[in-house]
Amino acid sequence: MRQQWLHGFLDLCLLCLLAERRDYGLGLGQRLAESGFGDVPGGTLYPSLLRLEKQGLVRTDWVPSATGPRRKYYEVSEEGRVVAVERAEAWRGFRDAVDRVTESLGSRA
């Protein structure tokens, strides 16, 4: 179930993380894990990043690494920042609606 939910809001989470600072894929995966998402598989993470890039919501560039091959860094675009704010507002409204519907279960459990 967690994976299904993750697919629904991973793009938003990535845009928000990238609005804080640019990062590469592995770094984003680590930041998601530190935020409580656990391990986000590369097969989930990288298609989402590619989709955001194709939509023009993130820009990419390759940066040399001192410890190995170059890394592809992702940075939110101006349009991506606008979309992140809009989606975050929509998410808060959706989350509040779900909370209202499910809060009665807390008294029954």
PDB file of N, CA and C in Angstrom:
ATOM      1  N   MET A   1       0.829  -1.196   0.000  1.00  0.00           N
ATOM      2  CA  MET A   1       0.000   0.000   0.000  1.00  0.00           C
ATOM      3  C   MET A   1       0.875   1.263   0.000  1.00  0.00           C
ATOM      4  N   ARG A   2       1.960   1.243   0.781  1.00  0.00           N
ATOM      5  CA  ARG A   2       2.838   2.411   0.866  1.00  0.00           C
ATOM      6  C   ARG A   2       3.379   2.797  -0.505  1.00  0.00           C
ATOM      7  N   GLN A   3       3.747   1.795  -1.309  1.00  0.00           N
ATOM      8  CA  GLN A   3       4.299   2.073  -2.639  1.00  0.00           C
ATOM      9  C   GLN A   3       3.264   2.752  -3.529  1.00  0.00           C
ATOM     10  N   GLN A   4       1.999   2.334  -3.438  1.00  0.00           N
ATOM     11  CA  GLN A   4       0.954   2.977  -4.238  1.00  0.00           C
ATOM     12  C   GLN A   4       0.809   4.442  -3.843  1.00  0.00           C
ATOM     13  N   TRP A   5       0.825   4.706  -2.559  1.00  0.00           N
ATOM     14  CA  TRP A   5       0.716   6.093  -2.104  1.00  0.00           C
ATOM     15  C   TRP A   5       1.935   6.892  -2.521  1.00  0.00           C
ATOM     16  N   LEU A   6       3.097   6.286  -2.413  1.00  0.00           N
ATOM     17  CA  LEU A   6       4.334   6.969  -2.775  1.00  0.00           C
ATOM     18  C   LEU A   6       4.296   7.437  -4.226  1.00  0.00           C
ATOM     19  N   HIS A   7       3.799   6.590  -5.112  1.00  0.00           N
ATOM     20  CA  HIS A   7       3.708   6.977  -6.523  1.00  0.00           C
ATOM     21  C   HIS A   7       2.822   8.208  -6.686  1.00  0.00           C
ATOM     22  N   GLY A   8       1.837   8.360  -5.823  1.00  0.00           N
ATOM     23  CA  GLY A   8       0.902   9.473  -5.935  1.00  0.00           C
ATOM     24  C   GLY A   8       1.479  10.823  -5.548  1.00  0.00           C
ATOM     25  N   PHE A   9       2.454  10.840  -4.654  1.00  0.00           N
ATOM     26  CA  PHE A   9       2.972  12.133  -4.219  1.00  0.00           C
ATOM     27  C   PHE A   9       4.486  12.257  -4.263  1.00  0.00           C
ATOM     28  N   LEU A  10       5.164  11.317  -4.897  1.00  0.00           N
ATOM     29  CA  LEU A  10       6.620  11.400  -4.995  1.00  0.00           C
ATOM     30  C   LEU A  10       7.066  12.635  -5.777  1.00  0.00           C
ATOM     31  N   ASP A  11       6.384  12.956  -6.862  1.00  0.00           N
ATOM     32  CA  ASP A  11       6.765  14.134  -7.650  1.00  0.00           C
ATOM     33  C   ASP A  11       6.747  15.389  -6.779  1.00  0.00           C
ATOM     34  N   LEU A  12       5.693  15.546  -5.986  1.00  0.00           N
ATOM     35  CA  LEU A  12       5.594  16.702  -5.098  1.00  0.00           C
ATOM     36  C   LEU A  12       6.752  16.719  -4.105  1.00  0.00           C
ATOM     37  N   CYS A  13       7.039  15.581  -3.503  1.00  0.00           N
ATOM     38  CA  CYS A  13       8.129  15.512  -2.524  1.00  0.00           C
ATOM     39  C   CYS A  13       9.468  15.866  -3.165  1.00  0.00           C
ATOM     40  N   LEU A  14       9.703  15.369  -4.367  1.00  0.00           N
ATOM     41  CA  LEU A  14      10.957  15.678  -5.061  1.00  0.00           C
ATOM     42  C   LEU A  14      11.059  17.165  -5.387  1.00  0.00           C
ATOM     43  N   LEU A  15       9.971  17.750  -5.862  1.00  0.00           N
ATOM     44  CA  LEU A  15       9.993  19.187  -6.156  1.00  0.00           C
ATOM     45  C   LEU A  15      10.290  19.996  -4.895  1.00  0.00           C
ATOM     46  N   CYS A  16       9.696  19.606  -3.775  1.00  0.00           N
ATOM     47  CA  CYS A  16       9.931  20.327  -2.522  1.00  0.00           C
ATOM     48  C   CYS A  16      11.375  20.177  -2.057  1.00  0.00           C
ATOM     49  N   LEU A  17      11.918  18.971  -2.150  1.00  0.00           N
ATOM     50  CA  LEU A  17      13.316  18.771  -1.766  1.00  0.00           C
ATOM     51  C   LEU A  17      14.249  19.572  -2.664  1.00  0.00           C
ATOM     52  N   LEU A  18      13.952  19.592  -3.960  1.00  0.00           N
ATOM     53  CA  LEU A  18      14.801  20.326  -4.895  1.00  0.00           C
ATOM     54  C   LEU A  18      14.625  21.834  -4.764  1.00  0.00           C
ATOM     55  N   ALA A  19      13.492  22.281  -4.242  1.00  0.00           N
ATOM     56  CA  ALA A  19      13.311  23.710  -3.976  1.00  0.00           C
ATOM     57  C   ALA A  19      14.236  24.153  -2.844  1.00  0.00           C
ATOM     58  N   GLU A  20      14.590  23.215  -1.946  1.00  0.00           N
ATOM     59  CA  GLU A  20      15.526  23.524  -0.862  1.00  0.00           C
ATOM     60  C   GLU A  20      16.956  23.628  -1.392  1.00  0.00           C
ATOM     61  N   ARG A  21      17.334  22.669  -2.251  1.00  0.00           N
ATOM     62  CA  ARG A  21      18.684  22.680  -2.834  1.00  0.00           C
ATOM     63  C   ARG A  21      18.759  21.638  -3.943  1.00  0.00           C
ATOM     64  N   ARG A  22      19.654  21.864  -4.894  1.00  0.00           N
ATOM     65  CA  ARG A  22      19.844  20.889  -5.959  1.00  0.00           C
ATOM     66  C   ARG A  22      20.510  19.649  -5.386  1.00  0.00           C
ATOM     67  N   ASP A  23      20.323  18.515  -6.065  1.00  0.00           N
ATOM     68  CA  ASP A  23      20.865  17.262  -5.546  1.00  0.00           C
ATOM     69  C   ASP A  23      20.902  16.250  -6.676  1.00  0.00           C
ATOM     70  N   TYR A  24      21.600  15.161  -6.440  1.00  0.00           N
ATOM     71  CA  TYR A  24      21.637  14.058  -7.399  1.00  0.00           C
ATOM     72  C   TYR A  24      20.723  12.946  -6.892  1.00  0.00           C
ATOM     73  N   GLY A  25      20.471  11.952  -7.732  1.00  0.00           N
ATOM     74  CA  GLY A  25      19.483  10.930  -7.423  1.00  0.00           C
ATOM     75  C   GLY A  25      19.686  10.229  -6.095  1.00  0.00           C
ATOM     76  N   LEU A  26      20.901   9.742  -5.847  1.00  0.00           N
ATOM     77  CA  LEU A  26      21.168   9.033  -4.601  1.00  0.00           C
ATOM     78  C   LEU A  26      20.963   9.948  -3.398  1.00  0.00           C
ATOM     79  N   GLY A  27      21.383  11.185  -3.525  1.00  0.00           N
ATOM     80  CA  GLY A  27      21.185  12.153  -2.445  1.00  0.00           C
ATOM     81  C   GLY A  27      19.712  12.386  -2.159  1.00  0.00           C
ATOM     82  N   LEU A  28      18.908  12.475  -3.216  1.00  0.00           N
ATOM     83  CA  LEU A  28      17.467  12.640  -3.035  1.00  0.00           C
ATOM     84  C   LEU A  28      16.866  11.421  -2.348  1.00  0.00           C
ATOM     85  N   GLY A  29      17.309  10.237  -2.749  1.00  0.00           N
ATOM     86  CA  GLY A  29      16.829   9.015  -2.106  1.00  0.00           C
ATOM     87  C   GLY A  29      17.157   9.001  -0.622  1.00  0.00           C
ATOM     88  N   GLN A  30      18.357   9.458  -0.278  1.00  0.00           N
ATOM     89  CA  GLN A  30      18.759   9.516   1.133  1.00  0.00           C
ATOM     90  C   GLN A  30      17.924  10.532   1.901  1.00  0.00           C
ATOM     91  N   ARG A  31      17.657  11.658   1.285  1.00  0.00           N
ATOM     92  CA  ARG A  31      16.845  12.684   1.952  1.00  0.00           C
ATOM     93  C   ARG A  31      15.414  12.211   2.151  1.00  0.00           C
ATOM     94  N   LEU A  32      14.877  11.470   1.178  1.00  0.00           N
ATOM     95  CA  LEU A  32      13.541  10.896   1.349  1.00  0.00           C
ATOM     96  C   LEU A  32      13.535   9.903   2.503  1.00  0.00           C
ATOM     97  N   ALA A  33      14.564   9.062   2.569  1.00  0.00           N
ATOM     98  CA  ALA A  33      14.658   8.077   3.655  1.00  0.00           C
ATOM     99  C   ALA A  33      14.740   8.786   5.004  1.00  0.00           C
ATOM    100  N   GLU A  34      15.539   9.838   5.091  1.00  0.00           N
ATOM    101  CA  GLU A  34      15.673  10.597   6.338  1.00  0.00           C
ATOM    102  C   GLU A  34      14.363  11.270   6.731  1.00  0.00           C
ATOM    103  N   SER A  35      13.503  11.530   5.750  1.00  0.00           N
ATOM    104  CA  SER A  35      12.207  12.153   6.018  1.00  0.00           C
ATOM    105  C   SER A  35      11.155  11.143   6.449  1.00  0.00           C
ATOM    106  N   GLY A  36      11.515   9.859   6.429  1.00  0.00           N
ATOM    107  CA  GLY A  36      10.585   8.833   6.899  1.00  0.00           C
ATOM    108  C   GLY A  36       9.979   7.955   5.829  1.00  0.00           C
ATOM    109  N   PHE A  37      10.414   8.110   4.584  1.00  0.00           N
ATOM    110  CA  PHE A  37       9.859   7.314   3.497  1.00  0.00           C
ATOM    111  C   PHE A  37      10.493   5.941   3.374  1.00  0.00           C
ATOM    112  N   GLY A  38      11.560   5.706   4.094  1.00  0.00           N
ATOM    113  CA  GLY A  38      12.266   4.438   3.947  1.00  0.00           C
ATOM    114  C   GLY A  38      13.005   4.422   2.620  1.00  0.00           C
ATOM    115  N   ASP A  39      13.345   3.239   2.175  1.00  0.00           N
ATOM    116  CA  ASP A  39      14.086   3.081   0.923  1.00  0.00           C
ATOM    117  C   ASP A  39      13.159   3.279  -0.266  1.00  0.00           C
ATOM    118  N   VAL A  40      13.445   4.266  -1.087  1.00  0.00           N
ATOM    119  CA  VAL A  40      12.692   4.484  -2.325  1.00  0.00           C
ATOM    120  C   VAL A  40      13.519   3.874  -3.440  1.00  0.00           C
ATOM    121  N   PRO A  41      13.028   2.806  -4.060  1.00  0.00           N
ATOM    122  CA  PRO A  41      13.814   2.120  -5.087  1.00  0.00           C
ATOM    123  C   PRO A  41      14.138   3.034  -6.270  1.00  0.00           C
ATOM    124  N   GLY A  42      15.302   2.809  -6.859  1.00  0.00           N
ATOM    125  CA  GLY A  42      15.686   3.569  -8.041  1.00  0.00           C
ATOM    126  C   GLY A  42      14.673   3.438  -9.162  1.00  0.00           C
ATOM    127  N   GLY A  43      14.021   2.280  -9.253  1.00  0.00           N
ATOM    128  CA  GLY A  43      13.000   2.063 -10.278  1.00  0.00           C
ATOM    129  C   GLY A  43      11.757   2.902 -10.066  1.00  0.00           C
ATOM    130  N   THR A  44      11.637   3.492  -8.904  1.00  0.00           N
ATOM    131  CA  THR A  44      10.550   4.431  -8.606  1.00  0.00           C
ATOM    132  C   THR A  44      11.060   5.865  -8.693  1.00  0.00           C
ATOM    133  N   LEU A  45      12.235   6.107  -8.133  1.00  0.00           N
ATOM    134  CA  LEU A  45      12.797   7.451  -8.043  1.00  0.00           C
ATOM    135  C   LEU A  45      13.163   8.036  -9.407  1.00  0.00           C
ATOM    136  N   TYR A  46      13.934   7.295 -10.192  1.00  0.00           N
ATOM    137  CA  TYR A  46      14.460   7.858 -11.442  1.00  0.00           C
ATOM    138  C   TYR A  46      13.393   8.097 -12.510  1.00  0.00           C
ATOM    139  N   PRO A  47      12.382   7.242 -12.658  1.00  0.00           N
ATOM    140  CA  PRO A  47      11.313   7.588 -13.607  1.00  0.00           C
ATOM    141  C   PRO A  47      10.576   8.871 -13.210  1.00  0.00           C
ATOM    142  N   SER A  48      10.416   9.082 -11.917  1.00  0.00           N
ATOM    143  CA  SER A  48       9.771  10.305 -11.454  1.00  0.00           C
ATOM    144  C   SER A  48      10.622  11.529 -11.794  1.00  0.00           C
ATOM    145  N   LEU A  49      11.929  11.435 -11.566  1.00  0.00           N
ATOM    146  CA  LEU A  49      12.826  12.543 -11.910  1.00  0.00           C
ATOM    147  C   LEU A  49      12.829  12.810 -13.418  1.00  0.00           C
ATOM    148  N   LEU A  50      12.825  11.759 -14.210  1.00  0.00           N
ATOM    149  CA  LEU A  50      12.789  11.920 -15.665  1.00  0.00           C
ATOM    150  C   LEU A  50      11.489  12.590 -16.105  1.00  0.00           C
ATOM    151  N   ARG A  51      10.377  12.190 -15.501  1.00  0.00           N
ATOM    152  CA  ARG A  51       9.082  12.795 -15.823  1.00  0.00           C
ATOM    153  C   ARG A  51       9.104  14.293 -15.489  1.00  0.00           C
ATOM    154  N   LEU A  52       9.634  14.644 -14.328  1.00  0.00           N
ATOM    155  CA  LEU A  52       9.717  16.057 -13.943  1.00  0.00           C
ATOM    156  C   LEU A  52      10.617  16.840 -14.898  1.00  0.00           C
ATOM    157  N   GLU A  53      11.690  16.209 -15.346  1.00  0.00           N
ATOM    158  CA  GLU A  53      12.586  16.856 -16.311  1.00  0.00           C
ATOM    159  C   GLU A  53      11.869  17.085 -17.641  1.00  0.00           C
ATOM    160  N   LYS A  54      11.165  16.084 -18.125  1.00  0.00           N
ATOM    161  CA  LYS A  54      10.451  16.211 -19.404  1.00  0.00           C
ATOM    162  C   LYS A  54       9.350  17.264 -19.330  1.00  0.00           C
ATOM    163  N   GLN A  55       8.772  17.445 -18.148  1.00  0.00           N
ATOM    164  CA  GLN A  55       7.721  18.450 -17.966  1.00  0.00           C
ATOM    165  C   GLN A  55       8.292  19.859 -17.791  1.00  0.00           C
ATOM    166  N   GLY A  56       9.614  19.954 -17.727  1.00  0.00           N
ATOM    167  CA  GLY A  56      10.254  21.252 -17.550  1.00  0.00           C
ATOM    168  C   GLY A  56      10.219  21.765 -16.114  1.00  0.00           C
ATOM    169  N   LEU A  57       9.920  20.879 -15.167  1.00  0.00           N
ATOM    170  CA  LEU A  57       9.826  21.285 -13.769  1.00  0.00           C
ATOM    171  C   LEU A  57      11.168  21.200 -13.055  1.00  0.00           C
ATOM    172  N   VAL A  58      12.097  20.432 -13.623  1.00  0.00           N
ATOM    173  CA  VAL A  58      13.468  20.387 -13.109  1.00  0.00           C
ATOM    174  C   VAL A  58      14.436  20.500 -14.273  1.00  0.00           C
ATOM    175  N   ARG A  59      15.610  21.057 -13.964  1.00  0.00           N
ATOM    176  CA  ARG A  59      16.714  21.121 -14.922  1.00  0.00           C
ATOM    177  C   ARG A  59      17.789  20.169 -14.422  1.00  0.00           C
ATOM    178  N   THR A  60      18.622  19.726 -15.341  1.00  0.00           N
ATOM    179  CA  THR A  60      19.693  18.810 -14.945  1.00  0.00           C
ATOM    180  C   THR A  60      21.029  19.282 -15.507  1.00  0.00           C
ATOM    181  N   ASP A  61      22.088  18.885 -14.832  1.00  0.00           N
ATOM    182  CA  ASP A  61      23.427  19.050 -15.378  1.00  0.00           C
ATOM    183  C   ASP A  61      24.321  17.981 -14.759  1.00  0.00           C
ATOM    184  N   TRP A  62      25.370  17.646 -15.495  1.00  0.00           N
ATOM    185  CA  TRP A  62      26.315  16.617 -15.057  1.00  0.00           C
ATOM    186  C   TRP A  62      27.482  17.287 -14.356  1.00  0.00           C
ATOM    187  N   VAL A  63      27.833  16.765 -13.194  1.00  0.00           N
ATOM    188  CA  VAL A  63      28.896  17.349 -12.374  1.00  0.00           C
ATOM    189  C   VAL A  63      29.933  16.273 -12.090  1.00  0.00           C
ATOM    190  N   PRO A  64      31.225  16.587 -12.300  1.00  0.00           N
ATOM    191  CA  PRO A  64      32.263  15.602 -11.971  1.00  0.00           C
ATOM    192  C   PRO A  64      32.230  15.251 -10.483  1.00  0.00           C
ATOM    193  N   SER A  65      32.554  14.016 -10.184  1.00  0.00           N
ATOM    194  CA  SER A  65      32.599  13.555  -8.798  1.00  0.00           C
ATOM    195  C   SER A  65      34.034  13.200  -8.433  1.00  0.00           C
ATOM    196  N   ALA A  66      34.448  13.562  -7.249  1.00  0.00           N
ATOM    197  CA  ALA A  66      35.803  13.238  -6.790  1.00  0.00           C
ATOM    198  C   ALA A  66      35.946  11.760  -6.455  1.00  0.00           C
ATOM    199  N   THR A  67      34.813  11.081  -6.290  1.00  0.00           N
ATOM    200  CA  THR A  67      34.860   9.681  -5.847  1.00  0.00           C
ATOM    201  C   THR A  67      34.398   8.685  -6.900  1.00  0.00           C
ATOM    202  N   GLY A  68      34.183   9.115  -8.126  1.00  0.00           N
ATOM    203  CA  GLY A  68      33.725   8.176  -9.147  1.00  0.00           C
ATOM    204  C   GLY A  68      33.229   8.891 -10.382  1.00  0.00           C
ATOM    205  N   PRO A  69      32.277   8.279 -11.078  1.00  0.00           N
ATOM    206  CA  PRO A  69      31.771   8.881 -12.313  1.00  0.00           C
ATOM    207  C   PRO A  69      30.991  10.171 -12.038  1.00  0.00           C
ATOM    208  N   ARG A  70      30.757  10.927 -13.109  1.00  0.00           N
ATOM    209  CA  ARG A  70      29.993  12.163 -12.973  1.00  0.00           C
ATOM    210  C   ARG A  70      28.610  11.857 -12.397  1.00  0.00           C
ATOM    211  N   ARG A  71      28.028  12.868 -11.789  1.00  0.00           N
ATOM    212  CA  ARG A  71      26.695  12.726 -11.215  1.00  0.00           C
ATOM    213  C   ARG A  71      25.736  13.670 -11.923  1.00  0.00           C
ATOM    214  N   LYS A  72      24.532  13.180 -12.151  1.00  0.00           N
ATOM    215  CA  LYS A  72      23.494  14.005 -12.750  1.00  0.00           C
ATOM    216  C   LYS A  72      22.763  14.727 -11.621  1.00  0.00           C
ATOM    217  N   TYR A  73      22.901  16.041 -11.594  1.00  0.00           N
ATOM    218  CA  TYR A  73      22.254  16.848 -10.569  1.00  0.00           C
ATOM    219  C   TYR A  73      20.940  17.409 -11.095  1.00  0.00           C
ATOM    220  N   TYR A  74      19.979  17.499 -10.207  1.00  0.00           N
ATOM    221  CA  TYR A  74      18.646  18.004 -10.513  1.00  0.00           C
ATOM    222  C   TYR A  74      18.436  19.299  -9.740  1.00  0.00           C
ATOM    223  N   GLU A  75      17.786  20.254 -10.412  1.00  0.00           N
ATOM    224  CA  GLU A  75      17.500  21.550  -9.802  1.00  0.00           C
ATOM    225  C   GLU A  75      16.100  21.965 -10.228  1.00  0.00           C
ATOM    226  N   VAL A  76      15.315  22.464  -9.297  1.00  0.00           N
ATOM    227  CA  VAL A  76      13.951  22.853  -9.636  1.00  0.00           C
ATOM    228  C   VAL A  76      13.996  24.103 -10.524  1.00  0.00           C
ATOM    229  N   SER A  77      13.132  24.147 -11.531  1.00  0.00           N
ATOM    230  CA  SER A  77      13.016  25.320 -12.399  1.00  0.00           C
ATOM    231  C   SER A  77      12.030  26.300 -11.760  1.00  0.00           C
ATOM    232  N   GLU A  78      11.944  27.501 -12.312  1.00  0.00           N
ATOM    233  CA  GLU A  78      10.974  28.477 -11.789  1.00  0.00           C
ATOM    234  C   GLU A  78       9.559  27.925 -11.916  1.00  0.00           C
ATOM    235  N   GLU A  79       9.259  27.313 -13.057  1.00  0.00           N
ATOM    236  CA  GLU A  79       7.937  26.699 -13.223  1.00  0.00           C
ATOM    237  C   GLU A  79       7.734  25.590 -12.194  1.00  0.00           C
ATOM    238  N   GLY A  80       8.788  24.840 -11.917  1.00  0.00           N
ATOM    239  CA  GLY A  80       8.709  23.781 -10.919  1.00  0.00           C
ATOM    240  C   GLY A  80       8.393  24.317  -9.534  1.00  0.00           C
ATOM    241  N   ARG A  81       8.945  25.486  -9.200  1.00  0.00           N
ATOM    242  CA  ARG A  81       8.641  26.105  -7.899  1.00  0.00           C
ATOM    243  C   ARG A  81       7.166  26.474  -7.801  1.00  0.00           C
ATOM    244  N   VAL A  82       6.637  27.040  -8.872  1.00  0.00           N
ATOM    245  CA  VAL A  82       5.220  27.415  -8.893  1.00  0.00           C
ATOM    246  C   VAL A  82       4.353  26.165  -8.746  1.00  0.00           C
ATOM    247  N   VAL A  83       4.678  25.138  -9.504  1.00  0.00           N
ATOM    248  CA  VAL A  83       3.918  23.889  -9.448  1.00  0.00           C
ATOM    249  C   VAL A  83       4.025  23.260  -8.062  1.00  0.00           C
ATOM    250  N   ALA A  84       5.197  23.313  -7.450  1.00  0.00           N
ATOM    251  CA  ALA A  84       5.374  22.744  -6.107  1.00  0.00           C
ATOM    252  C   ALA A  84       4.450  23.432  -5.106  1.00  0.00           C
ATOM    253  N   VAL A  85       4.376  24.750  -5.162  1.00  0.00           N
ATOM    254  CA  VAL A  85       3.496  25.488  -4.250  1.00  0.00           C
ATOM    255  C   VAL A  85       2.044  25.101  -4.491  1.00  0.00           C
ATOM    256  N   GLU A  86       1.631  25.048  -5.763  1.00  0.00           N
ATOM    257  CA  GLU A  86       0.247  24.688  -6.086  1.00  0.00           C
ATOM    258  C   GLU A  86      -0.086  23.275  -5.615  1.00  0.00           C
ATOM    259  N   ARG A  87       0.814  22.339  -5.877  1.00  0.00           N
ATOM    260  CA  ARG A  87       0.561  20.952  -5.487  1.00  0.00           C
ATOM    261  C   ARG A  87       0.594  20.778  -3.973  1.00  0.00           C
ATOM    262  N   ALA A  88       1.456  21.518  -3.297  1.00  0.00           N
ATOM    263  CA  ALA A  88       1.509  21.430  -1.830  1.00  0.00           C
ATOM    264  C   ALA A  88       0.201  21.925  -1.222  1.00  0.00           C
ATOM    265  N   GLU A  89      -0.342  23.008  -1.765  1.00  0.00           N
ATOM    266  CA  GLU A  89      -1.627  23.517  -1.282  1.00  0.00           C
ATOM    267  C   GLU A  89      -2.733  22.500  -1.535  1.00  0.00           C
ATOM    268  N   ALA A  90      -2.741  21.908  -2.720  1.00  0.00           N
ATOM    269  CA  ALA A  90      -3.744  20.886  -3.038  1.00  0.00           C
ATOM    270  C   ALA A  90      -3.587  19.678  -2.122  1.00  0.00           C
ATOM    271  N   TRP A  91      -2.342  19.272  -1.855  1.00  0.00           N
ATOM    272  CA  TRP A  91      -2.089  18.128  -0.965  1.00  0.00           C
ATOM    273  C   TRP A  91      -2.621  18.403   0.442  1.00  0.00           C
ATOM    274  N   ARG A  92      -2.374  19.619   0.957  1.00  0.00           N
ATOM    275  CA  ARG A  92      -2.852  19.934   2.306  1.00  0.00           C
ATOM    276  C   ARG A  92      -4.374  19.841   2.378  1.00  0.00           C
ATOM    277  N   GLY A  93      -5.058  20.321   1.358  1.00  0.00           N
ATOM    278  CA  GLY A  93      -6.519  20.213   1.323  1.00  0.00           C
ATOM    279  C   GLY A  93      -6.980  18.766   1.279  1.00  0.00           C
ATOM    280  N   PHE A  94      -6.322  17.966   0.463  1.00  0.00           N
ATOM    281  CA  PHE A  94      -6.660  16.545   0.351  1.00  0.00           C
ATOM    282  C   PHE A  94      -6.387  15.831   1.670  1.00  0.00           C
ATOM    283  N   ARG A  95      -5.224  16.099   2.267  1.00  0.00           N
ATOM    284  CA  ARG A  95      -4.861  15.474   3.546  1.00  0.00           C
ATOM    285  C   ARG A  95      -5.872  15.824   4.626  1.00  0.00           C
ATOM    286  N   ASP A  96      -6.305  17.080   4.670  1.00  0.00           N
ATOM    287  CA  ASP A  96      -7.293  17.496   5.665  1.00  0.00           C
ATOM    288  C   ASP A  96      -8.609  16.755   5.468  1.00  0.00           C
ATOM    289  N   ALA A  97      -9.019  16.569   4.210  1.00  0.00           N
ATOM    290  CA  ALA A  97     -10.261  15.842   3.932  1.00  0.00           C
ATOM    291  C   ALA A  97     -10.157  14.388   4.381  1.00  0.00           C
ATOM    292  N   VAL A  98      -9.036  13.750   4.095  1.00  0.00           N
ATOM    293  CA  VAL A  98      -8.832  12.359   4.525  1.00  0.00           C
ATOM    294  C   VAL A  98      -8.829  12.283   6.049  1.00  0.00           C
ATOM    295  N   ASP A  99      -8.181  13.231   6.701  1.00  0.00           N
ATOM    296  CA  ASP A  99      -8.158  13.253   8.168  1.00  0.00           C
ATOM    297  C   ASP A  99      -9.570  13.357   8.738  1.00  0.00           C
ATOM    298  N   ARG A 100     -10.410  14.213   8.147  1.00  0.00           N
ATOM    299  CA  ARG A 100     -11.781  14.357   8.640  1.00  0.00           C
ATOM    300  C   ARG A 100     -12.555  13.054   8.504  1.00  0.00           C
ATOM    301  N   VAL A 101     -12.353  12.358   7.403  1.00  0.00           N
ATOM    302  CA  VAL A 101     -13.078  11.107   7.168  1.00  0.00           C
ATOM    303  C   VAL A 101     -12.573   9.993   8.075  1.00  0.00           C
ATOM    304  N   THR A 102     -11.276   9.945   8.313  1.00  0.00           N
ATOM    305  CA  THR A 102     -10.702   8.814   9.050  1.00  0.00           C
ATOM    306  C   THR A 102     -10.553   9.051  10.547  1.00  0.00           C
ATOM    307  N   GLU A 103     -10.716  10.277  11.016  1.00  0.00           N
ATOM    308  CA  GLU A 103     -10.462  10.538  12.433  1.00  0.00           C
ATOM    309  C   GLU A 103     -11.415   9.791  13.358  1.00  0.00           C
ATOM    310  N   SER A 104     -12.602   9.448  12.890  1.00  0.00           N
ATOM    311  CA  SER A 104     -13.538   8.712  13.748  1.00  0.00           C
ATOM    312  C   SER A 104     -13.028   7.309  14.068  1.00  0.00           C
ATOM    313  N   LEU A 105     -12.154   6.775  13.248  1.00  0.00           N
ATOM    314  CA  LEU A 105     -11.594   5.450  13.524  1.00  0.00           C
ATOM    315  C   LEU A 105     -10.731   5.457  14.773  1.00  0.00           C
ATOM    316  N   GLY A 106     -10.129   6.572  15.076  1.00  0.00           N
ATOM    317  CA  GLY A 106      -9.283   6.664  16.258  1.00  0.00           C
ATOM    318  C   GLY A 106     -10.052   6.370  17.531  1.00  0.00           C
ATOM    319  N   SER A 107     -11.321   6.737  17.582  1.00  0.00           N
ATOM    320  CA  SER A 107     -12.113   6.490  18.786  1.00  0.00           C
ATOM    321  C   SER A 107     -12.650   5.063  18.841  1.00  0.00           C
ATOM    322  N   ARG A 108     -12.627   4.352  17.720  1.00  0.00           N
ATOM    323  CA  ARG A 108     -13.132   2.973  17.683  1.00  0.00           C
ATOM    324  C   ARG A 108     -12.039   1.943  17.857  1.00  0.00           C
ATOM    325  N   ALA A 109     -10.806   2.319  17.611  1.00  0.00           N
ATOM    326  CA  ALA A 109      -9.713   1.332  17.642  1.00  0.00           C
ATOM    327  C   ALA A 109      -9.328   0.946  19.048  1.00  0.00           C
TER     328      ALA A 109
END
